[in-house]
mmCIF file of all heavy atoms, coordinates in Angstrom:
data_MODEL
# 
_entry.id   MODEL 
# 
loop_
_atom_site.group_PDB 
_atom_site.id 
_atom_site.type_symbol 
_atom_site.label_atom_id 
_atom_site.label_alt_id 
_atom_site.label_comp_id 
_atom_site.label_asym_id 
_atom_site.label_entity_id 
_atom_site.label_seq_id 
_atom_site.pdbx_PDB_ins_code 
_atom_site.Cartn_x 
_atom_site.Cartn_y 
_atom_site.Cartn_z 
_atom_site.occupancy 
_atom_site.B_iso_or_equiv 
_atom_site.pdbx_formal_charge 
_atom_site.auth_seq_id 
_atom_site.auth_comp_id 
_atom_site.auth_asym_id 
_atom_site.auth_atom_id 
_atom_site.pdbx_PDB_model_num 
ATOM 1   N N   . LEU A 1 1  ? -5.296  1.841  -9.307  1.00 0.00 ? 1  LEU A N   1 
ATOM 2   C CA  . LEU A 1 1  ? -5.552  0.743  -8.386  1.00 0.00 ? 1  LEU A CA  1 
ATOM 3   C C   . LEU A 1 1  ? -5.888  1.308  -7.010  1.00 0.00 ? 1  LEU A C   1 
ATOM 4   O O   . LEU A 1 1  ? -5.220  2.229  -6.536  1.00 0.00 ? 1  LEU A O   1 
ATOM 5   C CB  . LEU A 1 1  ? -4.316  -0.148 -8.260  1.00 0.00 ? 1  LEU A CB  1 
ATOM 6   C CG  . LEU A 1 1  ? -3.751  -0.713 -9.560  1.00 0.00 ? 1  LEU A CG  1 
ATOM 7   C CD1 . LEU A 1 1  ? -2.377  -1.298 -9.328  1.00 0.00 ? 1  LEU A CD1 1 
ATOM 8   C CD2 . LEU A 1 1  ? -4.693  -1.752 -10.119 1.00 0.00 ? 1  LEU A CD2 1 
ATOM 9   N N   . ARG A 1 2  ? -6.902  0.765  -6.377  1.00 0.00 ? 2  ARG A N   1 
ATOM 10  C CA  . ARG A 1 2  ? -7.234  1.177  -5.008  1.00 0.00 ? 2  ARG A CA  1 
ATOM 11  C C   . ARG A 1 2  ? -6.257  0.521  -4.049  1.00 0.00 ? 2  ARG A C   1 
ATOM 12  O O   . ARG A 1 2  ? -5.642  -0.499 -4.350  1.00 0.00 ? 2  ARG A O   1 
ATOM 13  C CB  . ARG A 1 2  ? -8.665  0.787  -4.681  1.00 0.00 ? 2  ARG A CB  1 
ATOM 14  C CG  . ARG A 1 2  ? -9.652  1.611  -5.510  1.00 0.00 ? 2  ARG A CG  1 
ATOM 15  C CD  . ARG A 1 2  ? -11.055 1.356  -5.140  1.00 0.00 ? 2  ARG A CD  1 
ATOM 16  N NE  . ARG A 1 2  ? -11.251 1.746  -3.741  1.00 0.00 ? 2  ARG A NE  1 
ATOM 17  C CZ  . ARG A 1 2  ? -12.407 1.711  -3.127  1.00 0.00 ? 2  ARG A CZ  1 
ATOM 18  N NH1 . ARG A 1 2  ? -13.473 1.309  -3.763  1.00 0.00 ? 2  ARG A NH1 1 
ATOM 19  N NH2 . ARG A 1 2  ? -12.518 2.062  -1.865  1.00 0.00 ? 2  ARG A NH2 1 
ATOM 20  N N   . THR A 1 3  ? -6.139  1.104  -2.872  1.00 0.00 ? 3  THR A N   1 
ATOM 21  C CA  . THR A 1 3  ? -5.155  0.602  -1.916  1.00 0.00 ? 3  THR A CA  1 
ATOM 22  C C   . THR A 1 3  ? -5.343  -0.876 -1.543  1.00 0.00 ? 3  THR A C   1 
ATOM 23  O O   . THR A 1 3  ? -4.339  -1.577 -1.393  1.00 0.00 ? 3  THR A O   1 
ATOM 24  C CB  . THR A 1 3  ? -5.100  1.486  -0.655  1.00 0.00 ? 3  THR A CB  1 
ATOM 25  O OG1 . THR A 1 3  ? -6.406  1.615  -0.114  1.00 0.00 ? 3  THR A OG1 1 
ATOM 26  C CG2 . THR A 1 3  ? -4.544  2.853  -0.979  1.00 0.00 ? 3  THR A CG2 1 
ATOM 27  N N   . PRO A 1 4  ? -6.569  -1.410 -1.426  1.00 0.00 ? 4  PRO A N   1 
ATOM 28  C CA  . PRO A 1 4  ? -6.675  -2.851 -1.131  1.00 0.00 ? 4  PRO A CA  1 
ATOM 29  C C   . PRO A 1 4  ? -6.092  -3.723 -2.249  1.00 0.00 ? 4  PRO A C   1 
ATOM 30  O O   . PRO A 1 4  ? -5.507  -4.776 -1.972  1.00 0.00 ? 4  PRO A O   1 
ATOM 31  C CB  . PRO A 1 4  ? -8.184  -3.091 -0.990  1.00 0.00 ? 4  PRO A CB  1 
ATOM 32  C CG  . PRO A 1 4  ? -8.750  -1.755 -0.655  1.00 0.00 ? 4  PRO A CG  1 
ATOM 33  C CD  . PRO A 1 4  ? -7.881  -0.758 -1.376  1.00 0.00 ? 4  PRO A CD  1 
ATOM 34  N N   . ASP A 1 5  ? -6.233  -3.272 -3.502  1.00 0.00 ? 5  ASP A N   1 
ATOM 35  C CA  . ASP A 1 5  ? -5.666  -4.025 -4.624  1.00 0.00 ? 5  ASP A CA  1 
ATOM 36  C C   . ASP A 1 5  ? -4.139  -4.000 -4.584  1.00 0.00 ? 5  ASP A C   1 
ATOM 37  O O   . ASP A 1 5  ? -3.479  -5.014 -4.829  1.00 0.00 ? 5  ASP A O   1 
ATOM 38  C CB  . ASP A 1 5  ? -6.154  -3.450 -5.957  1.00 0.00 ? 5  ASP A CB  1 
ATOM 39  C CG  . ASP A 1 5  ? -7.657  -3.523 -6.099  1.00 0.00 ? 5  ASP A CG  1 
ATOM 40  O OD1 . ASP A 1 5  ? -8.257  -4.518 -5.644  1.00 0.00 ? 5  ASP A OD1 1 
ATOM 41  O OD2 . ASP A 1 5  ? -8.239  -2.570 -6.653  1.00 0.00 ? 5  ASP A OD2 1 
ATOM 42  N N   . VAL A 1 6  ? -3.595  -2.829 -4.263  1.00 0.00 ? 6  VAL A N   1 
ATOM 43  C CA  . VAL A 1 6  ? -2.141  -2.696 -4.155  1.00 0.00 ? 6  VAL A CA  1 
ATOM 44  C C   . VAL A 1 6  ? -1.630  -3.563 -3.008  1.00 0.00 ? 6  VAL A C   1 
ATOM 45  O O   . VAL A 1 6  ? -0.639  -4.288 -3.150  1.00 0.00 ? 6  VAL A O   1 
ATOM 46  C CB  . VAL A 1 6  ? -1.735  -1.216 -3.949  1.00 0.00 ? 6  VAL A CB  1 
ATOM 47  C CG1 . VAL A 1 6  ? -0.238  -1.089 -3.700  1.00 0.00 ? 6  VAL A CG1 1 
ATOM 48  C CG2 . VAL A 1 6  ? -2.155  -0.378 -5.149  1.00 0.00 ? 6  VAL A CG2 1 
ATOM 49  N N   . ALA A 1 7  ? -2.322  -3.525 -1.885  1.00 0.00 ? 7  ALA A N   1 
ATOM 50  C CA  . ALA A 1 7  ? -1.933  -4.335 -0.729  1.00 0.00 ? 7  ALA A CA  1 
ATOM 51  C C   . ALA A 1 7  ? -1.914  -5.817 -1.089  1.00 0.00 ? 7  ALA A C   1 
ATOM 52  O O   . ALA A 1 7  ? -0.968  -6.533 -0.736  1.00 0.00 ? 7  ALA A O   1 
ATOM 53  C CB  . ALA A 1 7  ? -2.885  -4.083 0.441   1.00 0.00 ? 7  ALA A CB  1 
ATOM 54  N N   . ALA A 1 8  ? -2.937  -6.278 -1.790  1.00 0.00 ? 8  ALA A N   1 
ATOM 55  C CA  . ALA A 1 8  ? -3.004  -7.687 -2.179  1.00 0.00 ? 8  ALA A CA  1 
ATOM 56  C C   . ALA A 1 8  ? -1.854  -8.054 -3.111  1.00 0.00 ? 8  ALA A C   1 
ATOM 57  O O   . ALA A 1 8  ? -1.243  -9.114 -2.957  1.00 0.00 ? 8  ALA A O   1 
ATOM 58  C CB  . ALA A 1 8  ? -4.341  -7.985 -2.845  1.00 0.00 ? 8  ALA A CB  1 
ATOM 59  N N   . ARG A 1 9  ? -1.558  -7.186 -4.049  1.00 0.00 ? 9  ARG A N   1 
ATOM 60  C CA  . ARG A 1 9  ? -0.462  -7.464 -4.991  1.00 0.00 ? 9  ARG A CA  1 
ATOM 61  C C   . ARG A 1 9  ? 0.890   -7.499 -4.305  1.00 0.00 ? 9  ARG A C   1 
ATOM 62  O O   . ARG A 1 9  ? 1.770   -8.246 -4.705  1.00 0.00 ? 9  ARG A O   1 
ATOM 63  C CB  . ARG A 1 9  ? -0.454  -6.448 -6.115  1.00 0.00 ? 9  ARG A CB  1 
ATOM 64  C CG  . ARG A 1 9  ? -1.607  -6.611 -7.052  1.00 0.00 ? 9  ARG A CG  1 
ATOM 65  C CD  . ARG A 1 9  ? -1.571  -5.587 -8.150  1.00 0.00 ? 9  ARG A CD  1 
ATOM 66  N NE  . ARG A 1 9  ? -2.773  -5.678 -8.957  1.00 0.00 ? 9  ARG A NE  1 
ATOM 67  C CZ  . ARG A 1 9  ? -2.807  -5.413 -10.241 1.00 0.00 ? 9  ARG A CZ  1 
ATOM 68  N NH1 . ARG A 1 9  ? -1.716  -5.032 -10.869 1.00 0.00 ? 9  ARG A NH1 1 
ATOM 69  N NH2 . ARG A 1 9  ? -3.933  -5.521 -10.898 1.00 0.00 ? 9  ARG A NH2 1 
ATOM 70  N N   . LEU A 1 10 ? 1.057   -6.657 -3.277  1.00 0.00 ? 10 LEU A N   1 
ATOM 71  C CA  . LEU A 1 10 ? 2.336   -6.609 -2.570  1.00 0.00 ? 10 LEU A CA  1 
ATOM 72  C C   . LEU A 1 10 ? 2.398   -7.585 -1.394  1.00 0.00 ? 10 LEU A C   1 
ATOM 73  O O   . LEU A 1 10 ? 3.467   -7.794 -0.827  1.00 0.00 ? 10 LEU A O   1 
ATOM 74  C CB  . LEU A 1 10 ? 2.592   -5.188 -2.059  1.00 0.00 ? 10 LEU A CB  1 
ATOM 75  C CG  . LEU A 1 10 ? 2.815   -4.121 -3.127  1.00 0.00 ? 10 LEU A CG  1 
ATOM 76  C CD1 . LEU A 1 10 ? 2.967   -2.749 -2.477  1.00 0.00 ? 10 LEU A CD1 1 
ATOM 77  C CD2 . LEU A 1 10 ? 4.035   -4.443 -3.973  1.00 0.00 ? 10 LEU A CD2 1 
ATOM 78  N N   . GLY A 1 11 ? 1.250   -8.144 -1.018  1.00 0.00 ? 11 GLY A N   1 
ATOM 79  C CA  . GLY A 1 11 ? 1.220   -9.071 0.110   1.00 0.00 ? 11 GLY A CA  1 
ATOM 80  C C   . GLY A 1 11 ? 1.409   -8.366 1.443   1.00 0.00 ? 11 GLY A C   1 
ATOM 81  O O   . GLY A 1 11 ? 2.014   -8.919 2.360   1.00 0.00 ? 11 GLY A O   1 
ATOM 82  N N   . ILE A 1 12 ? 0.886   -7.137 1.540   1.00 0.00 ? 12 ILE A N   1 
ATOM 83  C CA  . ILE A 1 12 ? 0.996   -6.347 2.762   1.00 0.00 ? 12 ILE A CA  1 
ATOM 84  C C   . ILE A 1 12 ? -0.391  -5.821 3.136   1.00 0.00 ? 12 ILE A C   1 
ATOM 85  O O   . ILE A 1 12 ? -1.343  -5.984 2.380   1.00 0.00 ? 12 ILE A O   1 
ATOM 86  C CB  . ILE A 1 12 ? 1.991   -5.177 2.598   1.00 0.00 ? 12 ILE A CB  1 
ATOM 87  C CG1 . ILE A 1 12 ? 1.546   -4.217 1.474   1.00 0.00 ? 12 ILE A CG1 1 
ATOM 88  C CG2 . ILE A 1 12 ? 3.397   -5.703 2.324   1.00 0.00 ? 12 ILE A CG2 1 
ATOM 89  C CD1 . ILE A 1 12 ? 2.433   -2.991 1.306   1.00 0.00 ? 12 ILE A CD1 1 
ATOM 90  N N   . SER A 1 13 ? -0.483  -5.170 4.274   1.00 0.00 ? 13 SER A N   1 
ATOM 91  C CA  . SER A 1 13 ? -1.770  -4.624 4.710   1.00 0.00 ? 13 SER A CA  1 
ATOM 92  C C   . SER A 1 13 ? -2.047  -3.288 4.023   1.00 0.00 ? 13 SER A C   1 
ATOM 93  O O   . SER A 1 13 ? -1.133  -2.629 3.513   1.00 0.00 ? 13 SER A O   1 
ATOM 94  C CB  . SER A 1 13 ? -1.762  -4.418 6.231   1.00 0.00 ? 13 SER A CB  1 
ATOM 95  O OG  . SER A 1 13 ? -0.891  -3.354 6.569   1.00 0.00 ? 13 SER A OG  1 
ATOM 96  N N   . GLY A 1 14 ? -3.304  -2.885 4.060   1.00 0.00 ? 14 GLY A N   1 
ATOM 97  C CA  . GLY A 1 14 ? -3.680  -1.580 3.529   1.00 0.00 ? 14 GLY A CA  1 
ATOM 98  C C   . GLY A 1 14 ? -2.986  -0.460 4.279   1.00 0.00 ? 14 GLY A C   1 
ATOM 99  O O   . GLY A 1 14 ? -2.569  0.541  3.689   1.00 0.00 ? 14 GLY A O   1 
ATOM 100 N N   . ALA A 1 15 ? -2.832  -0.634 5.598   1.00 0.00 ? 15 ALA A N   1 
ATOM 101 C CA  . ALA A 1 15 ? -2.137  0.371  6.408   1.00 0.00 ? 15 ALA A CA  1 
ATOM 102 C C   . ALA A 1 15 ? -0.692  0.529  5.952   1.00 0.00 ? 15 ALA A C   1 
ATOM 103 O O   . ALA A 1 15 ? -0.156  1.639  5.919   1.00 0.00 ? 15 ALA A O   1 
ATOM 104 C CB  . ALA A 1 15 ? -2.196  -0.005 7.886   1.00 0.00 ? 15 ALA A CB  1 
ATOM 105 N N   . GLU A 1 16 ? -0.065  -0.568 5.576   1.00 0.00 ? 16 GLU A N   1 
ATOM 106 C CA  . GLU A 1 16 ? 1.314   -0.510 5.091   1.00 0.00 ? 16 GLU A CA  1 
ATOM 107 C C   . GLU A 1 16 ? 1.388   0.215  3.746   1.00 0.00 ? 16 GLU A C   1 
ATOM 108 O O   . GLU A 1 16 ? 2.342   0.945  3.477   1.00 0.00 ? 16 GLU A O   1 
ATOM 109 C CB  . GLU A 1 16 ? 1.905   -1.917 4.985   1.00 0.00 ? 16 GLU A CB  1 
ATOM 110 C CG  . GLU A 1 16 ? 3.357   -1.945 4.558   1.00 0.00 ? 16 GLU A CG  1 
ATOM 111 C CD  . GLU A 1 16 ? 4.330   -1.388 5.601   1.00 0.00 ? 16 GLU A CD  1 
ATOM 112 O OE1 . GLU A 1 16 ? 3.920   -1.084 6.730   1.00 0.00 ? 16 GLU A OE1 1 
ATOM 113 O OE2 . GLU A 1 16 ? 5.512   -1.247 5.256   1.00 0.00 ? 16 GLU A OE2 1 
ATOM 114 N N   . VAL A 1 17 ? 0.379   0.035  2.899   1.00 0.00 ? 17 VAL A N   1 
ATOM 115 C CA  . VAL A 1 17 ? 0.335   0.769  1.628   1.00 0.00 ? 17 VAL A CA  1 
ATOM 116 C C   . VAL A 1 17 ? 0.286   2.265  1.914   1.00 0.00 ? 17 VAL A C   1 
ATOM 117 O O   . VAL A 1 17 ? 1.035   3.048  1.318   1.00 0.00 ? 17 VAL A O   1 
ATOM 118 C CB  . VAL A 1 17 ? -0.874  0.346  0.765   1.00 0.00 ? 17 VAL A CB  1 
ATOM 119 C CG1 . VAL A 1 17 ? -1.002  1.249  -0.467  1.00 0.00 ? 17 VAL A CG1 1 
ATOM 120 C CG2 . VAL A 1 17 ? -0.744  -1.102 0.339   1.00 0.00 ? 17 VAL A CG2 1 
ATOM 121 N N   . TYR A 1 18 ? -0.565  2.682  2.849   1.00 0.00 ? 18 TYR A N   1 
ATOM 122 C CA  . TYR A 1 18 ? -0.629  4.096  3.217   1.00 0.00 ? 18 TYR A CA  1 
ATOM 123 C C   . TYR A 1 18 ? 0.699   4.584  3.774   1.00 0.00 ? 18 TYR A C   1 
ATOM 124 O O   . TYR A 1 18 ? 1.141   5.690  3.493   1.00 0.00 ? 18 TYR A O   1 
ATOM 125 C CB  . TYR A 1 18 ? -1.750  4.353  4.224   1.00 0.00 ? 18 TYR A CB  1 
ATOM 126 C CG  . TYR A 1 18 ? -3.111  4.405  3.587   1.00 0.00 ? 18 TYR A CG  1 
ATOM 127 C CD1 . TYR A 1 18 ? -4.017  3.368  3.749   1.00 0.00 ? 18 TYR A CD1 1 
ATOM 128 C CD2 . TYR A 1 18 ? -3.480  5.490  2.799   1.00 0.00 ? 18 TYR A CD2 1 
ATOM 129 C CE1 . TYR A 1 18 ? -5.269  3.416  3.156   1.00 0.00 ? 18 TYR A CE1 1 
ATOM 130 C CE2 . TYR A 1 18 ? -4.734  5.545  2.199   1.00 0.00 ? 18 TYR A CE2 1 
ATOM 131 C CZ  . TYR A 1 18 ? -5.617  4.500  2.383   1.00 0.00 ? 18 TYR A CZ  1 
ATOM 132 O OH  . TYR A 1 18 ? -6.854  4.549  1.786   1.00 0.00 ? 18 TYR A OH  1 
ATOM 133 N N   . ARG A 1 19 ? 1.366   3.748  4.580   1.00 0.00 ? 19 ARG A N   1 
ATOM 134 C CA  . ARG A 1 19 ? 2.666   4.134  5.115   1.00 0.00 ? 19 ARG A CA  1 
ATOM 135 C C   . ARG A 1 19 ? 3.657   4.377  3.985   1.00 0.00 ? 19 ARG A C   1 
ATOM 136 O O   . ARG A 1 19 ? 4.408   5.355  3.995   1.00 0.00 ? 19 ARG A O   1 
ATOM 137 C CB  . ARG A 1 19 ? 3.216   3.064  6.064   1.00 0.00 ? 19 ARG A CB  1 
ATOM 138 C CG  . ARG A 1 19 ? 4.474   3.556  6.810   1.00 0.00 ? 19 ARG A CG  1 
ATOM 139 C CD  . ARG A 1 19 ? 5.311   2.423  7.372   1.00 0.00 ? 19 ARG A CD  1 
ATOM 140 N NE  . ARG A 1 19 ? 5.926   1.571  6.367   1.00 0.00 ? 19 ARG A NE  1 
ATOM 141 C CZ  . ARG A 1 19 ? 6.984   1.913  5.613   1.00 0.00 ? 19 ARG A CZ  1 
ATOM 142 N NH1 . ARG A 1 19 ? 7.524   3.097  5.710   1.00 0.00 ? 19 ARG A NH1 1 
ATOM 143 N NH2 . ARG A 1 19 ? 7.485   1.057  4.750   1.00 0.00 ? 19 ARG A NH2 1 
ATOM 144 N N   . LEU A 1 20 ? 3.654   3.504  2.972   1.00 0.00 ? 20 LEU A N   1 
ATOM 145 C CA  . LEU A 1 20 ? 4.549   3.672  1.827   1.00 0.00 ? 20 LEU A CA  1 
ATOM 146 C C   . LEU A 1 20 ? 4.238   4.959  1.066   1.00 0.00 ? 20 LEU A C   1 
ATOM 147 O O   . LEU A 1 20 ? 5.140   5.666  0.622   1.00 0.00 ? 20 LEU A O   1 
ATOM 148 C CB  . LEU A 1 20 ? 4.439   2.467  0.883   1.00 0.00 ? 20 LEU A CB  1 
ATOM 149 C CG  . LEU A 1 20 ? 4.978   1.147  1.416   1.00 0.00 ? 20 LEU A CG  1 
ATOM 150 C CD1 . LEU A 1 20 ? 4.603   0.007  0.467   1.00 0.00 ? 20 LEU A CD1 1 
ATOM 151 C CD2 . LEU A 1 20 ? 6.472   1.214  1.617   1.00 0.00 ? 20 LEU A CD2 1 
ATOM 152 N N   . ILE A 1 21 ? 2.954   5.257  0.922   1.00 0.00 ? 21 ILE A N   1 
ATOM 153 C CA  . ILE A 1 21 ? 2.550   6.484  0.223   1.00 0.00 ? 21 ILE A CA  1 
ATOM 154 C C   . ILE A 1 21 ? 3.006   7.710  1.012   1.00 0.00 ? 21 ILE A C   1 
ATOM 155 O O   . ILE A 1 21 ? 3.634   8.621  0.462   1.00 0.00 ? 21 ILE A O   1 
ATOM 156 C CB  . ILE A 1 21 ? 1.030   6.509  -0.013  1.00 0.00 ? 21 ILE A CB  1 
ATOM 157 C CG1 . ILE A 1 21 ? 0.635   5.425  -1.025  1.00 0.00 ? 21 ILE A CG1 1 
ATOM 158 C CG2 . ILE A 1 21 ? 0.582   7.893  -0.501  1.00 0.00 ? 21 ILE A CG2 1 
ATOM 159 C CD1 . ILE A 1 21 ? -0.858  5.185  -1.145  1.00 0.00 ? 21 ILE A CD1 1 
ATOM 160 N N   . PHE A 1 22 ? 2.715   7.740  2.306   1.00 0.00 ? 22 PHE A N   1 
ATOM 161 C CA  . PHE A 1 22 ? 3.082   8.898  3.134   1.00 0.00 ? 22 PHE A CA  1 
ATOM 162 C C   . PHE A 1 22 ? 4.594   9.065  3.255   1.00 0.00 ? 22 PHE A C   1 
ATOM 163 O O   . PHE A 1 22 ? 5.089   10.173 3.417   1.00 0.00 ? 22 PHE A O   1 
ATOM 164 C CB  . PHE A 1 22 ? 2.437   8.814  4.515   1.00 0.00 ? 22 PHE A CB  1 
ATOM 165 C CG  . PHE A 1 22 ? 0.945   8.961  4.474   1.00 0.00 ? 22 PHE A CG  1 
ATOM 166 C CD1 . PHE A 1 22 ? 0.136   8.083  5.162   1.00 0.00 ? 22 PHE A CD1 1 
ATOM 167 C CD2 . PHE A 1 22 ? 0.340   9.968  3.738   1.00 0.00 ? 22 PHE A CD2 1 
ATOM 168 C CE1 . PHE A 1 22 ? -1.252  8.212  5.132   1.00 0.00 ? 22 PHE A CE1 1 
ATOM 169 C CE2 . PHE A 1 22 ? -1.036  10.110 3.694   1.00 0.00 ? 22 PHE A CE2 1 
ATOM 170 C CZ  . PHE A 1 22 ? -1.835  9.223  4.392   1.00 0.00 ? 22 PHE A CZ  1 
ATOM 171 N N   . ALA A 1 23 ? 5.331   7.950  3.164   1.00 0.00 ? 23 ALA A N   1 
ATOM 172 C CA  . ALA A 1 23 ? 6.793   8.007  3.229   1.00 0.00 ? 23 ALA A CA  1 
ATOM 173 C C   . ALA A 1 23 ? 7.409   8.407  1.889   1.00 0.00 ? 23 ALA A C   1 
ATOM 174 O O   . ALA A 1 23 ? 8.615   8.606  1.790   1.00 0.00 ? 23 ALA A O   1 
ATOM 175 C CB  . ALA A 1 23 ? 7.351   6.653  3.673   1.00 0.00 ? 23 ALA A CB  1 
ATOM 176 N N   . GLY A 1 24 ? 6.583   8.493  0.850   1.00 0.00 ? 24 GLY A N   1 
ATOM 177 C CA  . GLY A 1 24 ? 7.089   8.863  -0.464  1.00 0.00 ? 24 GLY A CA  1 
ATOM 178 C C   . GLY A 1 24 ? 7.729   7.714  -1.222  1.00 0.00 ? 24 GLY A C   1 
ATOM 179 O O   . GLY A 1 24 ? 8.368   7.915  -2.243  1.00 0.00 ? 24 GLY A O   1 
ATOM 180 N N   . GLU A 1 25 ? 7.548   6.484  -0.734  1.00 0.00 ? 25 GLU A N   1 
ATOM 181 C CA  . GLU A 1 25 ? 8.124   5.312  -1.391  1.00 0.00 ? 25 GLU A CA  1 
ATOM 182 C C   . GLU A 1 25 ? 7.235   4.763  -2.500  1.00 0.00 ? 25 GLU A C   1 
ATOM 183 O O   . GLU A 1 25 ? 7.691   4.027  -3.363  1.00 0.00 ? 25 GLU A O   1 
ATOM 184 C CB  . GLU A 1 25 ? 8.397   4.217  -0.366  1.00 0.00 ? 25 GLU A CB  1 
ATOM 185 C CG  . GLU A 1 25 ? 9.417   4.619  0.678   1.00 0.00 ? 25 GLU A CG  1 
ATOM 186 C CD  . GLU A 1 25 ? 9.654   3.529  1.696   1.00 0.00 ? 25 GLU A CD  1 
ATOM 187 O OE1 . GLU A 1 25 ? 9.744   2.353  1.303   1.00 0.00 ? 25 GLU A OE1 1 
ATOM 188 O OE2 . GLU A 1 25 ? 9.744   3.855  2.893   1.00 0.00 ? 25 GLU A OE2 1 
ATOM 189 N N   . LEU A 1 26 ? 5.965   5.110  -2.454  1.00 0.00 ? 26 LEU A N   1 
ATOM 190 C CA  . LEU A 1 26 ? 4.983   4.671  -3.441  1.00 0.00 ? 26 LEU A CA  1 
ATOM 191 C C   . LEU A 1 26 ? 4.112   5.876  -3.756  1.00 0.00 ? 26 LEU A C   1 
ATOM 192 O O   . LEU A 1 26 ? 3.610   6.537  -2.839  1.00 0.00 ? 26 LEU A O   1 
ATOM 193 C CB  . LEU A 1 26 ? 4.136   3.534  -2.860  1.00 0.00 ? 26 LEU A CB  1 
ATOM 194 C CG  . LEU A 1 26 ? 3.056   2.917  -3.745  1.00 0.00 ? 26 LEU A CG  1 
ATOM 195 C CD1 . LEU A 1 26 ? 3.671   2.248  -4.970  1.00 0.00 ? 26 LEU A CD1 1 
ATOM 196 C CD2 . LEU A 1 26 ? 2.253   1.900  -2.947  1.00 0.00 ? 26 LEU A CD2 1 
# 
């Protein structure tokens, strides 16, 4: 899944998806 798809599924921004990835949470 691309980050915009993940963001839409989680109801968050794309920037927040990147934050989760960089934090090791996703």
